[in-house]
């Protein structure tokens, strides 16, 4: 029997093959509603790569180029021509930059055959499908860390592999890259690898704007460690160091998004060709992204609450309902845990457990480096590691094991319960509120699709033995399958879908 992680990777790869096959099949069987994706106006800048490269107008290149639909067109254009228009700055640079890099390196031999734009679209599809498989692996590893239950983590990972927004993870959209770097960053954060976590979470902010919210997880970890340092260790200097480090890491996570806003300000407001400054350029805080969302797409609080948008609310209702269930379910679990055991004890468990994870990771790296140094240092390296391990584990894990033994009855009754769930629930609550009251509500299906608690809660429903839960589990399966089929049919043919 394959290990769970290998099984998740295989399922993720199989799900991408299935979605791609369905999308291509529907393109062959049905005529696209809108064929404007095949239009290929020249770049405004003569120095753009496509301006100087030959672009053969073959049926194959046209077919590949037409795979960029809806927002995929807006991601492909900056990759091909740079950011030409004000509204194009709504599409953050990670995906365009990544596919441009692939098209000019790995897939460069295909440019004379297919043309630069077709190679960009092909690069995007390959990149996103590979990124999704890696994201699924991180999803499973993160779920094991938080839920402390491999079976529940595996069930949730299977649901993630076949999530209702699957078609977006296999298209020219930023969902796959965002999921990869956000889930990967959170896994390393809760594993104790802060440096890797900061880098990955910062990169997620250059894929989607909501990636900047991941800084909240560092703030949560800092509050736990600061409380532990102040109450348990009585070390005020450590409290200050912890909070300052968290602030710096949070700023670093926000940096890519705001750097891109500064880039847009320089191009449009400072070096722009327009004689009159755009309205947002005159604002005290000239935030381009917010202006674009409001001006071009009508995004704003309650602005989407119109009778004509009722079908879109219905389209988003399954995802919103599942997110609401996850919020209520885990809020009840946390409330029960805090009633049974003090919050201080849960904080101690979380901090000491993370210290052990961090120690194991550093110990593994030390063993690897010492073994690679050569056979002469092997005996010394092993003895040194053993000495450090015996001393460190006595001091680091004593409090942890005491706390765990006191909390053992709770763990046996509820594997899902941990204070580490709290930032995930707060994050999902904010995202759900934003999706329902501020955004175009139909986007909720893909906007919330990278939120782990949705799949954790659904996995909990599947594991429940009562008949009501089985019926809800059946409805969830129907919902996931129906949206995969509908997405492959509607989205791929330029019909409206979430």
Protein backbone atom coordinates (compact mmCIF):
# COMPACT_ATOMS: atom_id res chain seq x y z
CA UNK A 1 0.00 0.00 0.00
CA UNK A 2 1.38 3.39 -1.04
CA UNK A 3 2.12 5.95 1.72
CA UNK A 4 -0.65 8.56 2.15
CA UNK A 5 1.48 11.38 0.75
CA UNK A 6 2.28 9.38 -2.39
CA UNK A 7 -1.40 8.56 -2.72
CA UNK A 8 -2.33 12.23 -2.50
CA UNK A 9 0.22 13.12 -5.19
CA UNK A 10 -1.15 10.42 -7.49
CA UNK A 11 -4.73 11.53 -6.92
CA UNK A 12 -3.79 15.15 -7.55
CA UNK A 13 -2.09 14.21 -10.83
CA UNK A 14 -5.06 12.04 -11.84
CA UNK A 15 -7.48 14.86 -11.06
CA UNK A 16 -5.53 17.24 -13.31
CA UNK A 17 -5.57 14.72 -16.16
CA UNK A 18 -9.32 14.29 -15.69
CA UNK A 19 -10.06 18.04 -15.65
CA UNK A 20 -7.85 18.71 -18.68
CA UNK A 21 -9.44 15.84 -20.58
CA UNK A 22 -12.94 17.09 -19.80
CA UNK A 23 -12.04 20.65 -20.78
CA UNK A 24 -10.50 19.60 -24.09
CA UNK A 25 -13.43 17.27 -24.82
CA UNK A 26 -15.99 20.01 -24.24
CA UNK A 27 -14.01 22.34 -26.50
CA UNK A 28 -14.25 19.75 -29.25
CA UNK A 29 -17.96 19.03 -28.74
CA UNK A 30 -19.29 22.55 -28.15
CA UNK A 31 -18.75 25.90 -29.78
CA UNK A 32 -17.37 28.67 -27.50
CA UNK A 33 -19.89 31.35 -26.59
CA UNK A 34 -17.30 34.09 -27.05
CA UNK A 35 -14.42 33.73 -29.51
CA UNK A 36 -12.70 37.00 -28.63
CA UNK A 37 -9.88 35.06 -26.95
CA UNK A 38 -8.57 34.22 -30.42
CA UNK A 39 -8.06 37.92 -31.21
CA UNK A 40 -4.39 38.85 -31.06
CA UNK A 41 -3.77 42.60 -31.29
CA UNK A 42 -0.11 43.60 -31.46
CA UNK A 43 1.65 44.84 -28.33
CA UNK A 44 1.71 48.60 -27.82
CA UNK A 45 5.43 48.52 -27.10
CA UNK A 46 7.66 47.64 -30.08
CA UNK A 47 10.23 46.18 -27.67
CA UNK A 48 7.87 43.45 -26.45
CA UNK A 49 9.09 39.89 -27.19
CA UNK A 50 6.12 39.04 -29.40
CA UNK A 51 6.76 42.08 -31.57
CA UNK A 52 10.08 40.73 -32.76
CA UNK A 53 9.30 37.00 -32.83
CA UNK A 54 7.57 35.23 -35.66
CA UNK A 55 4.06 34.04 -34.86
CA UNK A 56 2.81 31.48 -37.36
CA UNK A 57 -0.97 31.46 -37.72
CA UNK A 58 -1.46 27.69 -37.72
CA UNK A 59 -4.55 25.90 -36.51
CA UNK A 60 -2.60 24.35 -33.66
CA UNK A 61 -1.21 27.65 -32.39
CA UNK A 62 -4.66 29.26 -32.65
CA UNK A 63 -6.23 26.35 -30.75
CA UNK A 64 -3.67 26.60 -27.96
CA UNK A 65 -3.99 30.38 -27.73
CA UNK A 66 -7.77 30.11 -27.46
CA UNK A 67 -7.38 28.07 -24.25
CA UNK A 68 -6.80 31.37 -22.45
CA UNK A 69 -10.35 32.38 -21.54
CA UNK A 70 -11.85 34.89 -19.13
CA UNK A 71 -9.13 36.17 -16.79
CA UNK A 72 -6.62 33.92 -18.54
CA UNK A 73 -6.56 36.47 -21.35
CA UNK A 74 -5.57 39.17 -18.87
CA UNK A 75 -2.79 37.03 -17.40
CA UNK A 76 -1.39 36.12 -20.83
CA UNK A 77 -1.33 39.72 -22.06
CA UNK A 78 1.10 41.12 -19.43
CA UNK A 79 3.30 38.07 -19.92
CA UNK A 80 3.42 38.84 -23.63
CA UNK A 81 3.42 42.63 -23.74
CA UNK A 82 3.97 43.90 -20.22
CA UNK A 83 1.46 45.98 -18.25
CA UNK A 84 -0.05 48.24 -20.92
CA UNK A 85 -3.34 49.38 -19.39
CA UNK A 86 -4.44 50.58 -15.98
CA UNK A 87 -6.90 47.73 -15.44
CA UNK A 88 -4.25 45.11 -16.22
CA UNK A 89 -2.57 45.91 -12.89
CA UNK A 90 -5.38 44.00 -11.17
CA UNK A 91 -3.60 40.82 -12.28
CA UNK A 92 -0.59 40.38 -10.05
CA UNK A 93 2.78 39.57 -11.60
CA UNK A 94 3.72 36.10 -10.33
CA UNK A 95 1.83 34.12 -12.96
CA UNK A 96 2.68 36.39 -15.93
CA UNK A 97 6.34 36.52 -14.92
CA UNK A 98 6.51 32.76 -14.38
CA UNK A 99 5.01 31.79 -17.71
CA UNK A 100 7.13 34.37 -19.53
CA UNK A 101 10.22 32.84 -17.92
CA UNK A 102 9.16 29.35 -18.96
CA UNK A 103 8.34 30.45 -22.49
CA UNK A 104 11.78 32.01 -22.89
CA UNK A 105 13.68 29.08 -21.36
CA UNK A 106 12.22 25.58 -21.17
CA UNK A 107 9.66 26.02 -23.95
CA UNK A 108 11.71 28.42 -26.08
CA UNK A 109 12.28 25.80 -28.86
CA UNK A 110 8.51 25.74 -29.45
CA UNK A 111 8.23 29.49 -30.15
CA UNK A 112 9.23 29.27 -33.87
CA UNK A 113 6.72 26.44 -34.31
CA UNK A 114 3.71 27.69 -32.33
CA UNK A 115 4.34 31.39 -31.83
CA UNK A 116 5.12 33.22 -28.61
CA UNK A 117 1.54 33.69 -27.40
CA UNK A 118 0.62 30.03 -27.84
CA UNK A 119 3.77 29.01 -25.97
CA UNK A 120 2.85 31.37 -23.14
CA UNK A 121 -0.58 29.76 -22.83
CA UNK A 122 0.95 26.28 -22.97
CA UNK A 123 3.52 27.23 -20.33
CA UNK A 124 0.78 28.51 -18.05
CA UNK A 125 -1.22 25.30 -18.26
CA UNK A 126 1.81 23.11 -17.60
CA UNK A 127 2.98 25.31 -14.73
CA UNK A 128 -0.39 25.47 -13.00
CA UNK A 129 -1.10 21.76 -13.20
CA UNK A 130 2.32 20.88 -11.79
CA UNK A 131 1.90 23.54 -9.10
CA UNK A 132 -1.45 22.06 -8.09
CA UNK A 133 0.06 18.62 -7.52
CA UNK A 134 2.72 20.18 -5.28
CA UNK A 135 0.04 22.23 -3.49
CA UNK A 136 -1.96 19.06 -2.78
CA UNK A 137 1.13 17.48 -1.20
CA UNK A 138 1.59 20.52 1.04
CA UNK A 139 -2.11 20.48 1.86
CA UNK A 140 -1.82 16.93 3.18
CA UNK A 141 1.32 17.65 5.20
CA UNK A 142 -0.24 20.79 6.70
CA UNK A 143 -3.45 18.92 7.54
CA UNK A 144 -1.48 16.25 9.40
CA UNK A 145 0.26 18.93 11.46
CA UNK A 146 -2.96 20.71 12.42
CA UNK A 147 -5.49 17.86 12.71
CA UNK A 148 -3.07 15.29 14.23
CA UNK A 149 -5.03 12.65 12.29
CA UNK A 150 -3.60 11.14 9.11
CA UNK A 151 -6.89 9.59 8.03
CA UNK A 152 -8.76 12.88 8.34
CA UNK A 153 -5.89 14.66 6.55
CA UNK A 154 -6.03 12.15 3.71
CA UNK A 155 -9.82 12.47 3.32
CA UNK A 156 -9.53 16.25 3.25
CA UNK A 157 -6.72 16.04 0.69
CA UNK A 158 -8.83 13.86 -1.60
CA UNK A 159 -11.57 16.48 -1.45
CA UNK A 160 -9.04 19.21 -2.22
CA UNK A 161 -7.80 17.28 -5.27
CA UNK A 162 -11.35 17.23 -6.66
CA UNK A 163 -12.54 20.59 -5.35
CA UNK A 164 -15.37 22.50 -7.08
CA UNK A 165 -12.94 25.10 -8.47
CA UNK A 166 -10.80 22.44 -10.15
CA UNK A 167 -11.08 23.93 -13.61
CA UNK A 168 -9.34 27.13 -12.43
CA UNK A 169 -6.42 25.16 -11.02
CA UNK A 170 -5.84 23.65 -14.46
CA UNK A 171 -6.29 26.88 -16.44
CA UNK A 172 -4.39 30.11 -16.93
CA UNK A 173 -5.38 31.43 -13.50
CA UNK A 174 -3.34 32.23 -10.40
CA UNK A 175 -5.13 29.80 -8.07
CA UNK A 176 -2.55 27.00 -8.35
CA UNK A 177 0.46 29.19 -7.64
CA UNK A 178 -1.32 30.88 -4.75
CA UNK A 179 -2.30 27.53 -3.24
CA UNK A 180 1.23 26.19 -3.65
CA UNK A 181 2.98 29.07 -1.90
CA UNK A 182 0.32 29.74 0.75
CA UNK A 183 -0.14 26.11 1.78
CA UNK A 184 3.59 25.46 1.55
CA UNK A 185 4.35 28.56 3.59
CA UNK A 186 1.86 27.58 6.28
CA UNK A 187 3.29 24.07 6.46
CA UNK A 188 6.80 25.41 7.02
CA UNK A 189 5.50 27.99 9.49
CA UNK A 190 3.86 25.35 11.69
CA UNK A 191 6.91 23.11 11.24
CA UNK A 192 9.21 25.78 12.67
CA UNK A 193 11.01 26.74 9.43
CA UNK A 194 10.31 30.47 9.67
CA UNK A 195 12.64 31.65 6.92
CA UNK A 196 11.21 29.37 4.27
CA UNK A 197 7.69 30.18 5.47
CA UNK A 198 8.23 33.94 5.17
CA UNK A 199 9.60 33.62 1.64
CA UNK A 200 6.78 31.38 0.42
CA UNK A 201 4.03 33.46 2.02
CA UNK A 202 5.53 36.63 0.57
CA UNK A 203 5.51 35.04 -2.88
CA UNK A 204 1.85 34.08 -2.40
CA UNK A 205 1.13 37.80 -2.04
CA UNK A 206 2.48 38.37 -5.54
CA UNK A 207 0.06 35.75 -6.89
CA UNK A 208 -3.16 37.00 -5.30
CA UNK A 209 -3.84 40.10 -3.23
CA UNK A 210 -5.33 38.09 -0.35
CA UNK A 211 -1.92 36.44 0.04
CA UNK A 212 -0.95 39.41 2.21
CA UNK A 213 -3.47 38.19 4.80
CA UNK A 214 -1.18 35.24 5.50
CA UNK A 215 0.89 37.59 7.64
CA UNK A 216 -1.80 37.04 10.27
CA UNK A 217 -0.52 33.51 10.88
CA UNK A 218 2.88 34.89 11.88
CA UNK A 219 1.14 37.36 14.18
CA UNK A 220 -0.80 34.51 15.78
CA UNK A 221 2.36 32.46 16.33
CA UNK A 222 4.08 35.51 17.78
CA UNK A 223 1.24 36.11 20.24
CA UNK A 224 1.43 32.49 21.41
CA UNK A 225 5.19 32.65 21.91
CA UNK A 226 5.03 36.08 23.52
CA UNK A 227 2.39 34.87 25.98
CA UNK A 228 4.48 31.81 26.78
CA UNK A 229 7.60 33.94 27.26
CA UNK A 230 5.77 36.41 29.52
CA UNK A 231 3.68 34.02 31.63
CA UNK A 232 5.61 30.74 31.70
CA UNK A 233 9.22 31.80 31.19
CA UNK A 234 9.05 35.30 32.75
CA UNK A 235 11.36 36.72 30.06
CA UNK A 236 10.16 40.20 28.99
CA UNK A 237 13.09 40.67 26.61
CA UNK A 238 12.07 37.53 24.73
CA UNK A 239 8.54 38.96 24.43
CA UNK A 240 9.88 42.09 22.74
CA UNK A 241 12.15 40.08 20.45
CA UNK A 242 9.27 37.80 19.42
CA UNK A 243 6.91 40.67 18.62
CA UNK A 244 9.56 42.65 16.69
CA UNK A 245 10.51 39.58 14.66
CA UNK A 246 6.84 38.92 13.83
CA UNK A 247 6.36 42.55 12.77
CA UNK A 248 9.36 42.39 10.44
CA UNK A 249 8.20 39.11 8.93
CA UNK A 250 4.69 40.48 8.41
CA UNK A 251 6.09 43.54 6.63
CA UNK A 252 8.14 41.26 4.41
CA UNK A 253 5.00 39.29 3.48
CA UNK A 254 3.17 42.53 2.57
CA UNK A 255 6.16 43.84 0.62
CA UNK A 256 5.59 42.14 -2.80
CA UNK A 257 2.01 43.38 -3.06
CA UNK A 258 2.84 46.97 -2.13
CA UNK A 259 5.96 46.93 -4.30
CA UNK A 260 3.73 46.10 -7.26
CA UNK A 261 1.40 48.96 -6.33
CA UNK A 262 4.43 51.29 -6.28
CA UNK A 263 5.42 49.96 -9.69
CA UNK A 264 1.97 50.83 -11.04
CA UNK A 265 2.13 54.29 -9.46
CA UNK A 266 5.46 55.03 -11.15
CA UNK A 267 4.27 53.80 -14.55
CA UNK A 268 0.89 55.54 -14.54
CA UNK A 269 1.17 58.55 -12.24
CA UNK A 270 4.84 59.52 -12.66
CA UNK A 271 5.89 58.31 -16.10
CA UNK A 272 2.41 57.99 -17.65
CA UNK A 273 1.59 59.55 -21.00
CA UNK A 274 -1.81 60.90 -19.91
CA UNK A 275 -1.93 64.68 -19.50
CA UNK A 276 -4.34 64.53 -16.56
CA UNK A 277 -3.58 62.50 -13.45
CA UNK A 278 -5.87 59.59 -12.72
CA UNK A 279 -8.12 60.11 -9.64
CA UNK A 280 -6.35 57.49 -7.53
CA UNK A 281 -2.98 59.17 -8.17
CA UNK A 282 -4.18 62.18 -6.18
CA UNK A 283 -5.25 60.15 -3.13
CA UNK A 284 -3.30 60.38 0.12
CA UNK A 285 -2.70 56.63 -0.15
CA UNK A 286 -2.65 55.95 -3.90
CA UNK A 287 -3.71 52.29 -3.89
CA UNK A 288 -4.11 51.22 -7.50
CA UNK A 289 -5.56 47.76 -6.80
CA UNK A 290 -8.51 49.05 -4.80
CA UNK A 291 -9.32 51.69 -7.42
CA UNK A 292 -9.29 49.13 -10.25
CA UNK A 293 -11.56 46.73 -8.39
CA UNK A 294 -14.06 49.49 -7.63
CA UNK A 295 -13.91 51.45 -10.89
CA UNK A 296 -13.70 48.68 -13.48
CA UNK A 297 -15.45 45.77 -11.74
CA UNK A 298 -17.82 47.52 -9.33
CA UNK A 299 -16.44 45.78 -6.26
CA UNK A 300 -17.58 47.32 -2.97
CA UNK A 301 -19.55 46.72 0.21
CA UNK A 302 -23.12 45.60 -0.68
CA UNK A 303 -22.72 46.88 -4.25
CA UNK A 304 -23.50 43.40 -5.60
CA UNK A 305 -26.74 43.08 -3.67
CA UNK A 306 -29.11 43.41 -6.62
CA UNK A 307 -32.08 41.33 -7.68
CA UNK A 308 -30.49 40.54 -11.05
CA UNK A 309 -27.50 38.98 -9.25
CA UNK A 310 -29.64 36.39 -7.45
CA UNK A 311 -28.50 33.54 -9.79
CA UNK A 312 -24.90 34.32 -8.89
CA UNK A 313 -25.72 34.14 -5.18
CA UNK A 314 -27.31 30.75 -5.80
CA UNK A 315 -24.23 29.63 -7.73
CA UNK A 316 -22.01 30.55 -4.79
CA UNK A 317 -24.34 29.22 -2.08
CA UNK A 318 -22.81 25.69 -1.80
CA UNK A 319 -19.32 27.00 -1.14
CA UNK A 320 -20.54 29.70 1.22
CA UNK A 321 -22.67 27.15 3.10
CA UNK A 322 -19.74 24.76 3.49
CA UNK A 323 -17.49 27.60 4.66
CA UNK A 324 -20.13 28.69 7.18
CA UNK A 325 -20.45 25.13 8.45
CA UNK A 326 -16.67 24.88 8.87
CA UNK A 327 -16.60 28.15 10.85
CA UNK A 328 -19.41 27.06 13.18
CA UNK A 329 -18.09 23.50 13.56
CA UNK A 330 -14.56 24.47 14.57
CA UNK A 331 -15.73 27.38 16.70
CA UNK A 332 -17.77 24.91 18.76
CA UNK A 333 -14.78 22.59 19.07
CA UNK A 334 -12.51 25.40 20.24
CA UNK A 335 -15.15 26.59 22.70
CA UNK A 336 -15.44 23.09 24.18
CA UNK A 337 -11.67 22.75 24.45
CA UNK A 338 -11.28 26.08 26.22
CA UNK A 339 -14.06 25.13 28.64
CA UNK A 340 -12.37 21.82 29.47
CA UNK A 341 -8.76 23.00 29.66
CA UNK A 342 -7.32 26.44 30.27
CA UNK A 343 -6.17 28.55 27.35
CA UNK A 344 -2.74 28.75 28.96
CA UNK A 345 -2.38 24.97 28.76
CA UNK A 346 -3.33 24.97 25.07
CA UNK A 347 -0.81 27.72 24.38
CA UNK A 348 1.87 25.70 26.18
CA UNK A 349 1.03 22.64 24.10
CA UNK A 350 1.18 24.60 20.84
CA UNK A 351 4.47 26.37 21.65
CA UNK A 352 6.29 23.31 22.96
CA UNK A 353 5.05 21.12 20.12
CA UNK A 354 6.34 23.65 17.59
CA UNK A 355 9.68 23.77 19.42
CA UNK A 356 10.02 20.01 19.08
CA UNK A 357 9.13 20.14 15.37
CA UNK A 358 11.69 22.89 14.85
CA UNK A 359 14.32 20.94 16.81
CA UNK A 360 13.69 17.78 14.79
CA UNK A 361 14.06 19.71 11.56
CA UNK A 362 17.36 21.33 12.61
CA UNK A 363 18.63 18.01 13.98
CA UNK A 364 17.89 16.30 10.68
CA UNK A 365 19.75 18.99 8.77
CA UNK A 366 22.73 18.66 11.12
CA UNK A 367 22.83 14.88 10.69
CA UNK A 368 22.67 15.25 6.89
CA UNK A 369 25.51 17.78 6.80
CA UNK A 370 27.72 15.73 9.12
CA UNK A 371 27.18 12.51 7.18
CA UNK A 372 27.98 14.28 3.93
CA UNK A 373 31.26 15.55 5.39
CA UNK A 374 32.83 12.12 5.00
CA UNK A 375 33.44 8.85 6.84
CA UNK A 376 36.17 10.32 9.07
CA UNK A 377 33.67 12.60 10.82
CA UNK A 378 30.82 10.10 10.93
CA UNK A 379 31.47 8.67 14.40
CA UNK A 380 32.06 12.08 15.92
CA UNK A 381 29.00 13.49 14.20
CA UNK A 382 26.75 10.68 15.45
CA UNK A 383 27.97 10.99 19.05
CA UNK A 384 27.60 14.76 18.96
CA UNK A 385 24.06 14.52 17.67
CA UNK A 386 23.16 11.92 20.30
CA UNK A 387 24.50 14.11 23.10
CA UNK A 388 22.64 17.18 21.87
CA UNK A 389 19.48 15.21 21.30
CA UNK A 390 19.41 13.70 24.78
CA UNK A 391 19.95 17.07 26.47
CA UNK A 392 17.62 19.04 24.22
CA UNK A 393 14.77 16.59 24.31
CA UNK A 394 14.86 16.50 28.11
CA UNK A 395 14.58 20.27 28.37
CA UNK A 396 12.37 21.06 25.39
CA UNK A 397 9.79 18.30 25.54
CA UNK A 398 9.27 17.94 29.29
CA UNK A 399 6.58 20.61 29.47
CA UNK A 400 5.05 19.42 26.23
CA UNK A 401 4.61 15.82 27.39
CA UNK A 402 3.22 16.94 30.73
CA UNK A 403 0.67 19.09 28.97
CA UNK A 404 -0.16 16.35 26.50
CA UNK A 405 -0.70 13.78 29.23
CA UNK A 406 -3.04 16.18 31.05
CA UNK A 407 -4.91 16.75 27.82
CA UNK A 408 -4.94 13.12 26.65
CA UNK A 409 -8.63 12.52 27.31
CA UNK A 410 -9.56 15.48 25.14
CA UNK A 411 -7.31 14.26 22.33
CA UNK A 412 -8.88 10.82 22.40
CA UNK A 413 -12.36 12.28 22.10
CA UNK A 414 -11.62 14.95 19.52
CA UNK A 415 -8.60 14.68 17.27
CA UNK A 416 -9.46 17.91 15.51
CA UNK A 417 -9.19 20.11 18.58
CA UNK A 418 -6.22 22.45 18.83
CA UNK A 419 -5.67 26.14 19.36
CA UNK A 420 -3.77 26.07 16.06
CA UNK A 421 -7.16 25.91 14.34
CA UNK A 422 -7.96 29.44 15.50
CA UNK A 423 -6.05 31.45 12.84
CA UNK A 424 -7.46 29.25 10.08
CA UNK A 425 -11.01 29.90 11.26
CA UNK A 426 -10.42 33.64 11.62
CA UNK A 427 -8.91 33.75 8.15
CA UNK A 428 -11.81 31.79 6.62
CA UNK A 429 -14.35 33.99 8.43
CA UNK A 430 -12.84 37.17 7.00
CA UNK A 431 -12.62 35.66 3.52
CA UNK A 432 -16.22 34.44 3.62
CA UNK A 433 -17.48 37.83 4.82
CA UNK A 434 -15.54 39.57 2.03
CA UNK A 435 -16.76 37.15 -0.63
CA UNK A 436 -20.42 37.55 0.37
CA UNK A 437 -20.66 41.27 1.14
CA UNK A 438 -17.92 42.92 -0.95
CA UNK A 439 -16.87 40.88 -3.98
CA UNK A 440 -18.70 39.45 -6.97
CA UNK A 441 -20.24 36.63 -5.00
CA UNK A 442 -19.92 33.98 -7.72
CA UNK A 443 -16.14 34.22 -7.37
CA UNK A 444 -16.52 32.62 -3.91
CA UNK A 445 -16.11 29.13 -5.35
CA UNK A 446 -12.51 29.73 -6.34
CA UNK A 447 -11.78 32.54 -3.85
CA UNK A 448 -12.39 30.20 -0.90
CA UNK A 449 -11.09 27.05 -2.58
CA UNK A 450 -7.61 27.25 -0.99
CA UNK A 451 -9.02 27.44 2.56
CA UNK A 452 -8.12 24.20 4.39
CA UNK A 453 -10.96 24.32 7.00
CA UNK A 454 -13.56 23.81 4.26
CA UNK A 455 -12.09 20.42 3.36
CA UNK A 456 -11.33 19.52 6.98
CA UNK A 457 -14.97 20.10 7.89
CA UNK A 458 -16.20 18.16 4.86
CA UNK A 459 -13.87 15.29 5.79
CA UNK A 460 -15.36 15.34 9.30
CA UNK A 461 -18.83 14.95 7.80
CA UNK A 462 -17.70 11.94 5.77
CA UNK A 463 -16.21 10.28 8.86
CA UNK A 464 -19.35 10.70 10.95
CA UNK A 465 -21.32 7.43 11.32
CA UNK A 466 -24.87 8.85 11.63
CA UNK A 467 -27.30 8.78 8.73
CA UNK A 468 -27.73 12.55 8.52
CA UNK A 469 -24.01 13.06 8.01
CA UNK A 470 -23.98 10.36 5.34
CA UNK A 471 -26.70 12.18 3.44
CA UNK A 472 -24.78 15.46 3.72
CA UNK A 473 -21.63 13.65 2.58
CA UNK A 474 -23.52 12.39 -0.47
CA UNK A 475 -24.67 15.93 -1.28
CA UNK A 476 -21.10 17.21 -0.95
CA UNK A 477 -19.92 14.55 -3.42
CA UNK A 478 -22.67 15.53 -5.85
CA UNK A 479 -21.76 19.20 -5.46
CA UNK A 480 -18.04 18.61 -6.08
CA UNK A 481 -18.63 16.38 -9.11
CA UNK A 482 -21.31 18.65 -10.59
CA UNK A 483 -19.10 21.74 -10.38
CA UNK A 484 -16.15 19.92 -11.93
CA UNK A 485 -18.36 18.90 -14.86
CA UNK A 486 -20.06 22.30 -15.14
CA UNK A 487 -16.75 24.14 -14.89
CA UNK A 488 -15.16 22.00 -17.59
CA UNK A 489 -18.12 22.65 -19.87
CA UNK A 490 -18.99 26.29 -19.19
CA UNK A 491 -15.70 27.92 -18.27
CA UNK A 492 -13.69 26.26 -21.03
CA UNK A 493 -16.18 27.49 -23.65
CA UNK A 494 -16.27 31.07 -22.36
CA UNK A 495 -19.65 30.73 -20.67
CA UNK A 496 -20.18 32.41 -17.28
CA UNK A 497 -19.07 30.21 -14.38
CA UNK A 498 -18.10 31.41 -10.88
